[in-house]
Amino acid sequence: MPKILVIHGAGMNMRGKVQTDIFGPMTLPQYDEKIRGFARELGVEVEIFHSNIEGEVIDRLYAANEEGFDAALFNPAAFSSGYPALVAAIAQVSFPTVEIHISNPARRGSYSETSRSSQGVVTGFGIAGYALALRGLRDLVMAK
């Protein structure tokens, strides 16, 4: 069973509380519940991690690398740009990372620097994007 680390970046704890016109009314615990459900359906194991601190996210990525995780799914949120150490960490781990965004950042004129180091990017599908990304990572890992 593939083991995938799901990382929620800075500000994800505010989902469902602010900017609901962009991100919808779901709270972070509700996201986590849905993600765990998707993982069960797909036959993958997930560990979910959230931090508003860049260094903690970097440390978790490196630890996951040492722990033998097969892949990571990362919603960078506010870590999308201006975090070169985070971009480097994604590039340095031995497993593929898929970046996910609930909304489509390009529609808002923003872009993501972390996507340069990611295997792929899923944007604009809301919570269903997590299922798409988990399925893609599972299939990628299983094909090896």
Protein backbone atom coordinates (compact mmCIF):
# COMPACT_ATOMS: atom_id res chain seq x y z
CA MET A 1 0.00 0.00 0.00
CA PRO A 2 1.60 3.31 -1.05
CA LYS A 3 2.27 5.73 1.80
CA ILE A 4 1.61 9.37 0.91
CA LEU A 5 2.32 12.45 3.02
CA VAL A 6 -0.34 15.16 2.66
CA ILE A 7 0.93 18.61 3.61
CA HIS A 8 -1.26 21.62 4.20
CA GLY A 9 0.69 24.88 4.02
CA ALA A 10 0.39 28.25 5.67
CA GLY A 11 -3.11 29.56 6.19
CA MET A 12 -4.93 26.29 5.50
CA ASN A 13 -6.19 26.37 9.10
CA MET A 14 -8.24 29.40 8.04
CA ARG A 15 -10.24 27.53 5.38
CA GLY A 16 -13.95 27.81 6.00
CA LYS A 17 -13.38 30.94 8.07
CA VAL A 18 -12.13 33.48 5.52
CA GLN A 19 -12.21 33.82 1.72
CA THR A 20 -15.11 31.39 1.49
CA ASP A 21 -16.04 32.99 -1.84
CA ILE A 22 -12.79 31.53 -3.27
CA PHE A 23 -12.20 28.37 -1.23
CA GLY A 24 -15.68 27.43 -0.04
CA PRO A 25 -17.02 26.73 3.45
CA MET A 26 -15.06 23.56 4.30
CA THR A 27 -12.77 23.74 7.33
CA LEU A 28 -9.38 22.04 7.53
CA PRO A 29 -10.69 19.16 9.69
CA GLN A 30 -13.39 18.58 7.06
CA TYR A 31 -10.72 18.52 4.33
CA ASP A 32 -8.76 15.96 6.34
CA GLU A 33 -11.82 13.75 6.78
CA LYS A 34 -12.51 13.80 3.03
CA ILE A 35 -8.85 13.13 2.20
CA ARG A 36 -8.79 10.11 4.52
CA GLY A 37 -11.95 8.84 2.81
CA PHE A 38 -10.39 9.24 -0.65
CA ALA A 39 -7.29 7.41 0.57
CA ARG A 40 -9.34 4.47 1.87
CA GLU A 41 -11.21 4.22 -1.45
CA LEU A 42 -7.93 4.28 -3.39
CA GLY A 43 -6.08 1.86 -1.13
CA VAL A 44 -3.38 4.27 -0.05
CA GLU A 45 -2.13 5.19 3.39
CA VAL A 46 -1.96 8.90 4.18
CA GLU A 47 -0.41 10.93 6.92
CA ILE A 48 -1.70 14.49 7.09
CA PHE A 49 0.49 17.34 8.32
CA HIS A 50 -0.21 21.07 8.61
CA SER A 51 2.07 23.93 9.55
CA ASN A 52 2.15 27.67 9.12
CA ILE A 53 5.93 27.56 9.54
CA GLU A 54 8.12 26.95 6.48
CA GLY A 55 10.90 25.24 8.44
CA GLU A 56 8.47 22.72 9.94
CA VAL A 57 7.21 21.80 6.46
CA ILE A 58 10.80 21.40 5.23
CA ASP A 59 11.69 19.26 8.25
CA ARG A 60 8.60 17.06 7.68
CA LEU A 61 9.50 16.55 4.00
CA TYR A 62 13.05 15.51 4.89
CA ALA A 63 11.80 13.22 7.68
CA ALA A 64 9.30 11.61 5.27
CA ASN A 65 12.18 10.98 2.89
CA GLU A 66 14.09 9.18 5.66
CA GLU A 67 10.94 7.28 6.73
CA GLY A 68 10.44 5.81 3.26
CA PHE A 69 7.29 7.61 2.16
CA ASP A 70 6.38 6.88 -1.45
CA ALA A 71 5.05 10.33 -2.38
CA ALA A 72 3.75 13.65 -1.10
CA LEU A 73 0.72 15.76 -1.90
CA PHE A 74 1.29 19.42 -1.05
CA ASN A 75 -1.13 22.33 -0.85
CA PRO A 76 1.36 25.17 -0.40
CA ALA A 77 -1.34 27.80 0.21
CA ALA A 78 0.60 30.91 1.30
CA PHE A 79 3.90 29.10 0.66
CA SER A 80 3.35 29.32 -3.11
CA SER A 81 6.01 31.96 -3.72
CA GLY A 82 8.94 33.50 -1.92
CA TYR A 83 10.14 30.32 -0.20
CA PRO A 84 13.28 29.10 -2.02
CA ALA A 85 14.28 26.69 0.77
CA LEU A 86 10.92 24.96 0.43
CA VAL A 87 11.34 24.69 -3.35
CA ALA A 88 14.78 23.16 -2.76
CA ALA A 89 13.42 20.66 -0.22
CA ILE A 90 10.76 19.44 -2.66
CA ALA A 91 13.47 18.99 -5.30
CA GLN A 92 15.76 17.11 -2.89
CA VAL A 93 13.43 14.40 -1.59
CA SER A 94 13.55 11.04 -3.37
CA PHE A 95 9.79 10.73 -3.87
CA PRO A 96 7.43 12.51 -6.28
CA THR A 97 5.40 15.45 -5.03
CA VAL A 98 2.16 16.70 -6.54
CA GLU A 99 1.07 20.23 -5.76
CA ILE A 100 -2.63 20.85 -5.27
CA HIS A 101 -4.77 23.96 -5.07
CA ILE A 102 -8.47 24.02 -4.22
CA SER A 103 -8.98 27.02 -6.50
CA ASN A 104 -7.09 27.95 -9.64
CA PRO A 105 -4.36 30.43 -8.59
CA ALA A 106 -3.82 31.48 -12.20
CA ARG A 107 -7.35 32.93 -12.25
CA ARG A 108 -6.28 35.25 -9.44
CA GLY A 109 -3.06 36.20 -11.22
CA SER A 110 -0.83 34.35 -8.79
CA TYR A 111 1.58 31.57 -9.57
CA SER A 112 3.41 28.93 -7.61
CA GLU A 113 7.17 28.65 -7.39
CA THR A 114 6.94 25.30 -5.61
CA SER A 115 5.32 23.75 -8.68
CA ARG A 116 8.70 23.95 -10.48
CA SER A 117 9.94 21.12 -8.27
CA SER A 118 6.73 19.09 -8.24
CA GLN A 119 5.92 16.08 -10.42
CA GLY A 120 2.58 17.65 -11.32
CA VAL A 121 -0.04 20.20 -10.30
CA VAL A 122 -3.80 19.81 -9.78
CA THR A 123 -5.77 23.06 -9.55
CA GLY A 124 -9.32 24.27 -9.52
CA PHE A 125 -11.25 21.08 -8.69
CA GLY A 126 -11.99 21.87 -5.05
CA ILE A 127 -11.78 18.95 -2.64
CA ALA A 128 -12.12 16.50 -5.57
CA GLY A 129 -8.64 17.61 -6.63
CA TYR A 130 -7.22 15.69 -3.68
CA ALA A 131 -8.79 12.47 -5.00
CA LEU A 132 -7.35 13.15 -8.46
CA ALA A 133 -3.89 13.84 -7.07
CA LEU A 134 -3.93 10.82 -4.74
CA ARG A 135 -5.00 8.59 -7.63
CA GLY A 136 -2.23 9.97 -9.85
CA LEU A 137 0.40 9.48 -7.15
CA ARG A 138 -0.84 5.98 -6.37
CA ASP A 139 -0.67 5.00 -10.02
CA LEU A 140 2.78 6.56 -10.41
CA VAL A 141 4.15 4.75 -7.36
CA MET A 142 2.53 1.42 -8.30
CA ALA A 143 3.99 1.61 -11.82
CA LYS A 144 7.57 1.60 -10.46
